[in-house]
Amino acid sequence: MVPEWKVFNQNGEMLANDKLPQSDIGFGNGSLGNISLPLDFVKEAGQFKLELSFGTHTNDWDFWVYPADLPETDVTDILVTDTLDEAAIALLEKGGKVLLLGAGKVEKGKDVVQYFRPVFWNTSWFQMRPPHTLGILTKPDHPALAEFPTEFHSNLQWWELLHNQQVMNLDNFPKDFKAIVQPIDTWYVNRKLGLIFEAKVGEGRLLVCSADLDSDLDKRIVARQMRHSLLNYMQTDAFDPAFAVSAEIVTEIFTEGDYDLYDVHTAGSPMDLIP
């Protein structure tokens, strides 16, 4: 049999195809050959599918490609900061725009340990040991993610932004408030969590991210693409958060306070945690 591979874009259009050397598949591990193709057909970030057929059998795998070079985003009217200090709050009160990158500085939410794991590996199996989160719920059509292709759930391109990254506890935010990217907490505690959210503060507009969008961006192309998407969104009229919150409720996320930090580890079954 002759294996054949094809690459499709999200619209189902075939972009490339070829055949591998004729081969038989024996028992055990083996190789059908190597698949290689230039990625210069990619002009903007996108999700693609590799399909491999062998006789009547077909497997497929999703993969993501990001541009090697990104255009500079004009940030002259955006304050990019890692601290919501007095200057940032004053700018928001006057109607300015702030991108708060709080990776490593989260206090309210630091007890929630996030890895990149399937739902099977959850705390109910391991006496509430980490990880505590069970994937994410996001809004793929939100304009903040216009240049970061995603589905409503996590997939492999999210590894860099989720694994060992902090989450924010938004329990004190308005009841109907929803983050743009919401990590899903273990159902035994079910905290309102956020990885990326937006809000009106004073007369201004604030976008907050607790994933690392700063370090080694020349190597961390997924984080670089997310940062690019968020900044471009902030330059559009679509950047108009639906909820208004106080600066204090946002600052609380990054300051030590008297709120409860859950120590949910138990020597028995997690069911012991139920009141």
C-alpha atoms as a PDB file:
ATOM      1  CA  MET A   1       0.000   0.000   0.000  1.00  0.00           C
ATOM      2  CA  VAL A   2       1.052   3.598  -0.617  1.00  0.00           C
ATOM      3  CA  PRO A   3       0.423   6.005   2.283  1.00  0.00           C
ATOM      4  CA  GLU A   4      -0.871   9.407   1.238  1.00  0.00           C
ATOM      5  CA  TRP A   5      -0.913  12.622   3.278  1.00  0.00           C
ATOM      6  CA  LYS A   6      -2.861  15.850   2.866  1.00  0.00           C
ATOM      7  CA  VAL A   7      -2.925  19.195   4.676  1.00  0.00           C
ATOM      8  CA  PHE A   8      -6.161  21.173   4.990  1.00  0.00           C
ATOM      9  CA  ASN A   9      -6.992  24.600   6.363  1.00  0.00           C
ATOM     10  CA  GLN A  10      -9.929  25.285   8.675  1.00  0.00           C
ATOM     11  CA  ASN A  11     -12.240  25.731   5.693  1.00  0.00           C
ATOM     12  CA  GLY A  12     -11.482  22.217   4.497  1.00  0.00           C
ATOM     13  CA  GLU A  13      -9.428  23.418   1.524  1.00  0.00           C
ATOM     14  CA  MET A  14      -6.485  21.158   0.667  1.00  0.00           C
ATOM     15  CA  LEU A  15      -3.210  23.079   0.735  1.00  0.00           C
ATOM     16  CA  ALA A  16      -0.697  20.310   0.074  1.00  0.00           C
ATOM     17  CA  ASN A  17      -0.526  16.593  -0.541  1.00  0.00           C
ATOM     18  CA  ASP A  18       1.993  13.903  -1.389  1.00  0.00           C
ATOM     19  CA  LYS A  19       2.671  10.200  -1.058  1.00  0.00           C
ATOM     20  CA  LEU A  20       5.099   8.243   1.086  1.00  0.00           C
ATOM     21  CA  PRO A  21       7.052   5.218  -0.161  1.00  0.00           C
ATOM     22  CA  GLN A  22       5.057   2.032  -0.597  1.00  0.00           C
ATOM     23  CA  SER A  23       5.063   0.170   2.683  1.00  0.00           C
ATOM     24  CA  ASP A  24       3.479  -2.547   4.755  1.00  0.00           C
ATOM     25  CA  ILE A  25       2.615  -2.034   8.403  1.00  0.00           C
ATOM     26  CA  GLY A  26       3.896  -4.833  10.592  1.00  0.00           C
ATOM     27  CA  PHE A  27       3.142  -5.571  14.213  1.00  0.00           C
ATOM     28  CA  GLY A  28       4.767  -3.306  16.794  1.00  0.00           C
ATOM     29  CA  ASN A  29       6.292   0.099  16.232  1.00  0.00           C
ATOM     30  CA  GLY A  30       7.421   1.209  12.835  1.00  0.00           C
ATOM     31  CA  SER A  31       7.750   4.150  10.480  1.00  0.00           C
ATOM     32  CA  LEU A  32       6.045   4.923   7.199  1.00  0.00           C
ATOM     33  CA  GLY A  33       8.481   7.720   6.381  1.00  0.00           C
ATOM     34  CA  ASN A  34       8.833  11.452   6.933  1.00  0.00           C
ATOM     35  CA  ILE A  35       6.425  14.237   6.049  1.00  0.00           C
ATOM     36  CA  SER A  36       7.969  17.608   5.314  1.00  0.00           C
ATOM     37  CA  LEU A  37       6.548  20.745   3.744  1.00  0.00           C
ATOM     38  CA  PRO A  38       7.437  24.447   3.776  1.00  0.00           C
ATOM     39  CA  LEU A  39       5.126  26.626   5.850  1.00  0.00           C
ATOM     40  CA  ASP A  40       5.402  29.727   3.688  1.00  0.00           C
ATOM     41  CA  PHE A  41       1.774  29.255   2.658  1.00  0.00           C
ATOM     42  CA  VAL A  42       0.853  30.602   6.106  1.00  0.00           C
ATOM     43  CA  LYS A  43       0.314  34.360   6.049  1.00  0.00           C
ATOM     44  CA  GLU A  44      -1.464  34.633   9.391  1.00  0.00           C
ATOM     45  CA  ALA A  45      -1.906  32.442  12.456  1.00  0.00           C
ATOM     46  CA  GLY A  46      -4.069  29.446  11.711  1.00  0.00           C
ATOM     47  CA  GLN A  47      -5.154  25.949  12.644  1.00  0.00           C
ATOM     48  CA  PHE A  48      -4.527  23.207  10.106  1.00  0.00           C
ATOM     49  CA  LYS A  49      -5.117  19.479   9.787  1.00  0.00           C
ATOM     50  CA  LEU A  50      -2.723  16.770   8.645  1.00  0.00           C
ATOM     51  CA  GLU A  51      -4.513  13.728   7.268  1.00  0.00           C
ATOM     52  CA  LEU A  52      -2.714  10.439   6.617  1.00  0.00           C
ATOM     53  CA  SER A  53      -4.411   7.634   4.685  1.00  0.00           C
ATOM     54  CA  PHE A  54      -3.256   4.049   4.381  1.00  0.00           C
ATOM     55  CA  GLY A  55      -5.606   2.006   2.277  1.00  0.00           C
ATOM     56  CA  THR A  56      -9.087   2.464   3.732  1.00  0.00           C
ATOM     57  CA  HIS A  57      -7.767   3.760   7.069  1.00  0.00           C
ATOM     58  CA  THR A  58      -7.247   7.435   7.845  1.00  0.00           C
ATOM     59  CA  ASN A  59      -5.923   9.355  10.845  1.00  0.00           C
ATOM     60  CA  ASP A  60      -5.723  13.114  11.233  1.00  0.00           C
ATOM     61  CA  TRP A  61      -4.018  15.557  13.572  1.00  0.00           C
ATOM     62  CA  ASP A  62      -4.540  19.276  14.186  1.00  0.00           C
ATOM     63  CA  PHE A  63      -1.551  21.598  14.200  1.00  0.00           C
ATOM     64  CA  TRP A  64      -1.045  25.347  14.475  1.00  0.00           C
ATOM     65  CA  VAL A  65       1.271  27.647  12.556  1.00  0.00           C
ATOM     66  CA  TYR A  66       2.201  31.219  13.458  1.00  0.00           C
ATOM     67  CA  PRO A  67       3.922  33.837  11.286  1.00  0.00           C
ATOM     68  CA  ALA A  68       7.687  34.019  11.684  1.00  0.00           C
ATOM     69  CA  ASP A  69       7.475  37.828  11.776  1.00  0.00           C
ATOM     70  CA  LEU A  70       4.736  39.964  13.251  1.00  0.00           C
ATOM     71  CA  PRO A  71       4.109  43.612  12.402  1.00  0.00           C
ATOM     72  CA  GLU A  72       4.793  46.085  15.163  1.00  0.00           C
ATOM     73  CA  THR A  73       1.704  47.135  17.090  1.00  0.00           C
ATOM     74  CA  ASP A  74       1.360  50.809  17.917  1.00  0.00           C
ATOM     75  CA  VAL A  75       1.171  50.902  21.712  1.00  0.00           C
ATOM     76  CA  THR A  76       1.720  54.613  22.220  1.00  0.00           C
ATOM     77  CA  ASP A  77      -1.740  54.964  23.770  1.00  0.00           C
ATOM     78  CA  ILE A  78      -1.600  51.706  25.753  1.00  0.00           C
ATOM     79  CA  LEU A  79       0.142  51.312  29.090  1.00  0.00           C
ATOM     80  CA  VAL A  80       1.657  47.827  29.286  1.00  0.00           C
ATOM     81  CA  THR A  81       2.524  47.091  32.909  1.00  0.00           C
ATOM     82  CA  ASP A  82       2.913  44.289  35.426  1.00  0.00           C
ATOM     83  CA  THR A  83       1.531  46.342  38.299  1.00  0.00           C
ATOM     84  CA  LEU A  84      -1.750  48.173  38.756  1.00  0.00           C
ATOM     85  CA  ASP A  85      -0.107  51.019  40.620  1.00  0.00           C
ATOM     86  CA  GLU A  86      -1.302  54.572  41.252  1.00  0.00           C
ATOM     87  CA  ALA A  87      -0.116  55.744  37.834  1.00  0.00           C
ATOM     88  CA  ALA A  88      -1.986  52.955  36.031  1.00  0.00           C
ATOM     89  CA  ILE A  89      -5.154  53.594  38.051  1.00  0.00           C
ATOM     90  CA  ALA A  90      -4.922  57.335  37.368  1.00  0.00           C
ATOM     91  CA  LEU A  91      -4.628  56.631  33.649  1.00  0.00           C
ATOM     92  CA  LEU A  92      -7.713  54.405  33.762  1.00  0.00           C
ATOM     93  CA  GLU A  93      -9.678  57.012  35.700  1.00  0.00           C
ATOM     94  CA  LYS A  94      -8.913  59.476  32.891  1.00  0.00           C
ATOM     95  CA  GLY A  95     -10.130  57.085  30.187  1.00  0.00           C
ATOM     96  CA  GLY A  96      -6.853  55.411  29.207  1.00  0.00           C
ATOM     97  CA  LYS A  97      -6.112  51.843  28.179  1.00  0.00           C
ATOM     98  CA  VAL A  98      -4.033  49.449  30.277  1.00  0.00           C
ATOM     99  CA  LEU A  99      -2.742  45.950  29.537  1.00  0.00           C
ATOM    100  CA  LEU A 100      -1.871  44.348  32.883  1.00  0.00           C
ATOM    101  CA  LEU A 101       0.450  41.348  32.555  1.00  0.00           C
ATOM    102  CA  GLY A 102       0.458  39.862  36.044  1.00  0.00           C
ATOM    103  CA  ALA A 103       2.277  36.551  35.535  1.00  0.00           C
ATOM    104  CA  GLY A 104       3.976  35.449  38.739  1.00  0.00           C
ATOM    105  CA  LYS A 105       2.337  38.180  40.809  1.00  0.00           C
ATOM    106  CA  VAL A 106      -1.074  36.648  41.492  1.00  0.00           C
ATOM    107  CA  GLU A 107      -1.950  36.323  45.192  1.00  0.00           C
ATOM    108  CA  LYS A 108      -5.673  35.637  45.072  1.00  0.00           C
ATOM    109  CA  GLY A 109      -5.627  32.471  43.041  1.00  0.00           C
ATOM    110  CA  LYS A 110      -2.101  31.286  43.778  1.00  0.00           C
ATOM    111  CA  ASP A 111      -3.533  28.317  45.705  1.00  0.00           C
ATOM    112  CA  VAL A 112      -5.060  27.042  42.455  1.00  0.00           C
ATOM    113  CA  VAL A 113      -2.386  25.018  40.673  1.00  0.00           C
ATOM    114  CA  GLN A 114      -2.808  24.764  36.910  1.00  0.00           C
ATOM    115  CA  TYR A 115      -1.092  22.196  34.693  1.00  0.00           C
ATOM    116  CA  PHE A 116      -1.997  21.079  31.199  1.00  0.00           C
ATOM    117  CA  ARG A 117      -3.822  17.836  31.857  1.00  0.00           C
ATOM    118  CA  PRO A 118      -6.867  16.043  30.455  1.00  0.00           C
ATOM    119  CA  VAL A 119      -9.908  15.927  32.719  1.00  0.00           C
ATOM    120  CA  PHE A 120      -9.176  12.319  33.689  1.00  0.00           C
ATOM    121  CA  TRP A 121      -6.135  13.421  35.731  1.00  0.00           C
ATOM    122  CA  ASN A 122      -8.126  15.497  38.173  1.00  0.00           C
ATOM    123  CA  THR A 123      -7.996  16.029  41.902  1.00  0.00           C
ATOM    124  CA  SER A 124     -10.768  13.560  42.646  1.00  0.00           C
ATOM    125  CA  TRP A 125      -8.281  10.742  42.059  1.00  0.00           C
ATOM    126  CA  PHE A 126      -5.454  12.137  44.173  1.00  0.00           C
ATOM    127  CA  GLN A 127      -6.801  13.549  47.456  1.00  0.00           C
ATOM    128  CA  MET A 128      -7.040  17.054  45.950  1.00  0.00           C
ATOM    129  CA  ARG A 129      -3.357  17.281  45.100  1.00  0.00           C
ATOM    130  CA  PRO A 130      -2.475  19.472  42.099  1.00  0.00           C
ATOM    131  CA  PRO A 131      -3.452  20.063  39.429  1.00  0.00           C
ATOM    132  CA  HIS A 132      -6.736  21.671  40.389  1.00  0.00           C
ATOM    133  CA  THR A 133      -7.947  22.893  37.008  1.00  0.00           C
ATOM    134  CA  LEU A 134      -9.735  20.874  34.332  1.00  0.00           C
ATOM    135  CA  GLY A 135      -9.019  22.676  31.081  1.00  0.00           C
ATOM    136  CA  ILE A 136     -10.481  26.009  30.008  1.00  0.00           C
ATOM    137  CA  LEU A 137     -13.642  27.558  28.643  1.00  0.00           C
ATOM    138  CA  THR A 138     -13.017  30.375  26.226  1.00  0.00           C
ATOM    139  CA  LYS A 139     -14.764  32.519  23.646  1.00  0.00           C
ATOM    140  CA  PRO A 140     -13.285  31.710  20.233  1.00  0.00           C
ATOM    141  CA  ASP A 141     -15.263  34.496  18.556  1.00  0.00           C
ATOM    142  CA  HIS A 142     -14.149  37.175  21.007  1.00  0.00           C
ATOM    143  CA  PRO A 143     -12.254  39.899  19.101  1.00  0.00           C
ATOM    144  CA  ALA A 144      -9.407  39.715  21.641  1.00  0.00           C
ATOM    145  CA  LEU A 145      -8.639  36.280  20.150  1.00  0.00           C
ATOM    146  CA  ALA A 146      -9.097  37.335  16.531  1.00  0.00           C
ATOM    147  CA  GLU A 147      -5.421  36.653  15.775  1.00  0.00           C
ATOM    148  CA  PHE A 148      -5.120  33.644  18.068  1.00  0.00           C
ATOM    149  CA  PRO A 149      -7.000  30.713  16.493  1.00  0.00           C
ATOM    150  CA  THR A 150      -8.740  28.592  19.109  1.00  0.00           C
ATOM    151  CA  GLU A 151     -11.789  26.490  19.810  1.00  0.00           C
ATOM    152  CA  PHE A 152     -13.962  26.989  22.907  1.00  0.00           C
ATOM    153  CA  HIS A 153     -11.767  24.526  24.795  1.00  0.00           C
ATOM    154  CA  SER A 154      -8.038  23.993  25.223  1.00  0.00           C
ATOM    155  CA  ASN A 155      -5.984  22.226  22.617  1.00  0.00           C
ATOM    156  CA  LEU A 156      -2.254  21.676  22.147  1.00  0.00           C
ATOM    157  CA  GLN A 157      -1.517  25.282  21.174  1.00  0.00           C
ATOM    158  CA  TRP A 158      -2.582  26.298  24.693  1.00  0.00           C
ATOM    159  CA  TRP A 159       0.190  24.312  26.426  1.00  0.00           C
ATOM    160  CA  GLU A 160       2.545  27.291  26.586  1.00  0.00           C
ATOM    161  CA  LEU A 161      -0.144  29.527  28.083  1.00  0.00           C
ATOM    162  CA  LEU A 162      -1.603  27.093  30.609  1.00  0.00           C
ATOM    163  CA  HIS A 163       1.008  24.659  31.910  1.00  0.00           C
ATOM    164  CA  ASN A 164       2.391  25.894  35.248  1.00  0.00           C
ATOM    165  CA  GLN A 165       0.813  29.314  34.669  1.00  0.00           C
ATOM    166  CA  GLN A 166      -1.076  31.209  37.364  1.00  0.00           C
ATOM    167  CA  VAL A 167      -4.823  31.740  37.396  1.00  0.00           C
ATOM    168  CA  MET A 168      -6.779  34.547  39.032  1.00  0.00           C
ATOM    169  CA  ASN A 169      -9.596  34.049  41.544  1.00  0.00           C
ATOM    170  CA  LEU A 170     -12.513  36.261  40.495  1.00  0.00           C
ATOM    171  CA  ASP A 171     -15.007  35.172  43.149  1.00  0.00           C
ATOM    172  CA  ASN A 172     -15.569  38.788  44.233  1.00  0.00           C
ATOM    173  CA  PHE A 173     -16.356  39.983  40.718  1.00  0.00           C
ATOM    174  CA  PRO A 174     -19.978  40.505  39.610  1.00  0.00           C
ATOM    175  CA  LYS A 175     -22.068  37.343  39.508  1.00  0.00           C
ATOM    176  CA  ASP A 176     -22.492  37.384  35.719  1.00  0.00           C
ATOM    177  CA  PHE A 177     -18.878  38.367  35.005  1.00  0.00           C
ATOM    178  CA  LYS A 178     -17.086  35.935  32.700  1.00  0.00           C
ATOM    179  CA  ALA A 179     -13.447  35.941  31.737  1.00  0.00           C
ATOM    180  CA  ILE A 180     -12.403  35.765  28.087  1.00  0.00           C
ATOM    181  CA  VAL A 181     -10.366  32.692  29.023  1.00  0.00           C
ATOM    182  CA  GLN A 182     -11.709  30.889  32.090  1.00  0.00           C
ATOM    183  CA  PRO A 183      -9.783  27.982  33.652  1.00  0.00           C
ATOM    184  CA  ILE A 184     -12.231  25.399  34.990  1.00  0.00           C
ATOM    185  CA  ASP A 185     -11.751  24.708  38.690  1.00  0.00           C
ATOM    186  CA  THR A 186     -12.118  21.323  40.341  1.00  0.00           C
ATOM    187  CA  TRP A 187     -15.853  20.842  40.904  1.00  0.00           C
ATOM    188  CA  TYR A 188     -15.321  20.303  44.630  1.00  0.00           C
ATOM    189  CA  VAL A 189     -14.546  24.005  45.080  1.00  0.00           C
ATOM    190  CA  ASN A 190     -15.746  25.566  41.791  1.00  0.00           C
ATOM    191  CA  ARG A 191     -14.116  28.976  42.088  1.00  0.00           C
ATOM    192  CA  LYS A 192     -14.673  31.644  39.433  1.00  0.00           C
ATOM    193  CA  LEU A 193     -11.276  31.718  37.729  1.00  0.00           C
ATOM    194  CA  GLY A 194      -9.705  33.792  34.990  1.00  0.00           C
ATOM    195  CA  LEU A 195      -6.610  33.698  32.804  1.00  0.00           C
ATOM    196  CA  ILE A 196      -7.568  36.649  30.585  1.00  0.00           C
ATOM    197  CA  PHE A 197     -10.328  39.144  31.344  1.00  0.00           C
ATOM    198  CA  GLU A 198     -11.351  42.687  30.507  1.00  0.00           C
ATOM    199  CA  ALA A 199     -13.238  45.345  32.467  1.00  0.00           C
ATOM    200  CA  LYS A 200     -14.041  49.015  32.565  1.00  0.00           C
ATOM    201  CA  VAL A 201     -12.269  50.788  35.409  1.00  0.00           C
ATOM    202  CA  GLY A 202     -13.245  54.398  35.921  1.00  0.00           C
ATOM    203  CA  GLU A 203     -13.512  55.936  32.467  1.00  0.00           C
ATOM    204  CA  GLY A 204     -10.843  53.607  31.102  1.00  0.00           C
ATOM    205  CA  ARG A 205     -10.514  50.080  29.757  1.00  0.00           C
ATOM    206  CA  LEU A 206      -8.408  47.331  31.296  1.00  0.00           C
ATOM    207  CA  LEU A 207      -7.242  43.987  29.906  1.00  0.00           C
ATOM    208  CA  VAL A 208      -5.585  41.544  32.329  1.00  0.00           C
ATOM    209  CA  CYS A 209      -3.626  38.347  31.670  1.00  0.00           C
ATOM    210  CA  SER A 210      -1.992  36.081  34.275  1.00  0.00           C
ATOM    211  CA  ALA A 211      -0.151  33.920  31.715  1.00  0.00           C
ATOM    212  CA  ASP A 212       3.423  34.890  30.880  1.00  0.00           C
ATOM    213  CA  LEU A 213       3.344  37.063  27.750  1.00  0.00           C
ATOM    214  CA  ASP A 214       6.711  38.707  28.449  1.00  0.00           C
ATOM    215  CA  SER A 215       9.622  36.293  28.649  1.00  0.00           C
ATOM    216  CA  ASP A 216      11.579  34.734  25.762  1.00  0.00           C
ATOM    217  CA  LEU A 217       9.045  35.724  23.143  1.00  0.00           C
ATOM    218  CA  ASP A 218      11.536  34.982  20.366  1.00  0.00           C
ATOM    219  CA  LYS A 219      11.268  31.316  21.408  1.00  0.00           C
ATOM    220  CA  ARG A 220       7.754  31.238  22.866  1.00  0.00           C
ATOM    221  CA  ILE A 221       5.868  31.901  19.655  1.00  0.00           C
ATOM    222  CA  VAL A 222       2.448  31.042  21.113  1.00  0.00           C
ATOM    223  CA  ALA A 223       2.805  33.627  23.891  1.00  0.00           C
ATOM    224  CA  ARG A 224       4.092  36.139  21.336  1.00  0.00           C
ATOM    225  CA  GLN A 225       1.044  35.544  19.141  1.00  0.00           C
ATOM    226  CA  MET A 226      -1.369  35.941  22.069  1.00  0.00           C
ATOM    227  CA  ARG A 227       0.275  39.209  23.113  1.00  0.00           C
ATOM    228  CA  HIS A 228       0.046  40.444  19.531  1.00  0.00           C
ATOM    229  CA  SER A 229      -3.644  39.534  19.348  1.00  0.00           C
ATOM    230  CA  LEU A 230      -4.491  41.258  22.631  1.00  0.00           C
ATOM    231  CA  LEU A 231      -2.636  44.471  21.766  1.00  0.00           C
ATOM    232  CA  ASN A 232      -4.214  44.677  18.324  1.00  0.00           C
ATOM    233  CA  TYR A 233      -7.645  44.170  19.888  1.00  0.00           C
ATOM    234  CA  MET A 234      -7.000  47.038  22.294  1.00  0.00           C
ATOM    235  CA  GLN A 235      -6.462  49.353  19.311  1.00  0.00           C
ATOM    236  CA  THR A 236      -9.930  48.683  17.923  1.00  0.00           C
ATOM    237  CA  ASP A 237     -13.354  50.082  18.766  1.00  0.00           C
ATOM    238  CA  ALA A 238     -14.368  46.528  19.723  1.00  0.00           C
ATOM    239  CA  PHE A 239     -12.361  46.949  22.936  1.00  0.00           C
ATOM    240  CA  ASP A 240     -15.387  47.952  24.988  1.00  0.00           C
ATOM    241  CA  PRO A 241     -15.720  45.754  28.112  1.00  0.00           C
ATOM    242  CA  ALA A 242     -19.275  45.004  29.202  1.00  0.00           C
ATOM    243  CA  PHE A 243     -18.622  45.055  32.958  1.00  0.00           C
ATOM    244  CA  ALA A 244     -17.367  47.880  35.140  1.00  0.00           C
ATOM    245  CA  VAL A 245     -15.399  47.030  38.285  1.00  0.00           C
ATOM    246  CA  SER A 246     -13.449  49.029  40.806  1.00  0.00           C
ATOM    247  CA  ALA A 247      -9.674  49.307  40.723  1.00  0.00           C
ATOM    248  CA  GLU A 248      -9.663  47.878  44.251  1.00  0.00           C
ATOM    249  CA  ILE A 249     -11.260  44.582  43.214  1.00  0.00           C
ATOM    250  CA  VAL A 250      -8.591  44.124  40.527  1.00  0.00           C
ATOM    251  CA  THR A 251      -5.745  45.169  42.816  1.00  0.00           C
ATOM    252  CA  GLU A 252      -6.920  42.600  45.363  1.00  0.00           C
ATOM    253  CA  ILE A 253      -5.900  39.832  42.960  1.00  0.00           C
ATOM    254  CA  PHE A 254      -2.269  40.896  43.252  1.00  0.00           C
ATOM    255  CA  THR A 255      -2.043  41.818  46.930  1.00  0.00           C
ATOM    256  CA  GLU A 256      -1.937  39.687  50.038  1.00  0.00           C
ATOM    257  CA  GLY A 257      -5.271  39.964  51.804  1.00  0.00           C
ATOM    258  CA  ASP A 258      -7.435  38.384  54.453  1.00  0.00           C
ATOM    259  CA  TYR A 259      -9.429  36.278  51.975  1.00  0.00           C
ATOM    260  CA  ASP A 260      -9.417  32.514  52.319  1.00  0.00           C
ATOM    261  CA  LEU A 261      -6.689  30.561  50.590  1.00  0.00           C
ATOM    262  CA  TYR A 262      -7.997  27.037  50.370  1.00  0.00           C
ATOM    263  CA  ASP A 263      -5.884  24.168  51.637  1.00  0.00           C
ATOM    264  CA  VAL A 264      -7.984  21.476  50.027  1.00  0.00           C
ATOM    265  CA  HIS A 265      -5.607  18.551  50.386  1.00  0.00           C
ATOM    266  CA  THR A 266      -7.155  15.656  52.253  1.00  0.00           C
ATOM    267  CA  ALA A 267      -5.805  12.314  53.430  1.00  0.00           C
ATOM    268  CA  GLY A 268      -9.081  10.644  52.544  1.00  0.00           C
ATOM    269  CA  SER A 269     -11.572  10.931  49.736  1.00  0.00           C
ATOM    270  CA  PRO A 270     -12.347  14.405  48.340  1.00  0.00           C
ATOM    271  CA  MET A 271     -15.917  13.635  49.317  1.00  0.00           C
ATOM    272  CA  ASP A 272     -14.778  14.403  52.873  1.00  0.00           C
ATOM    273  CA  LEU A 273     -14.641  18.065  51.823  1.00  0.00           C
ATOM    274  CA  ILE A 274     -18.383  18.252  51.259  1.00  0.00           C
ATOM    275  CA  PRO A 275     -20.035  20.071  54.218  1.00  0.00           C
END
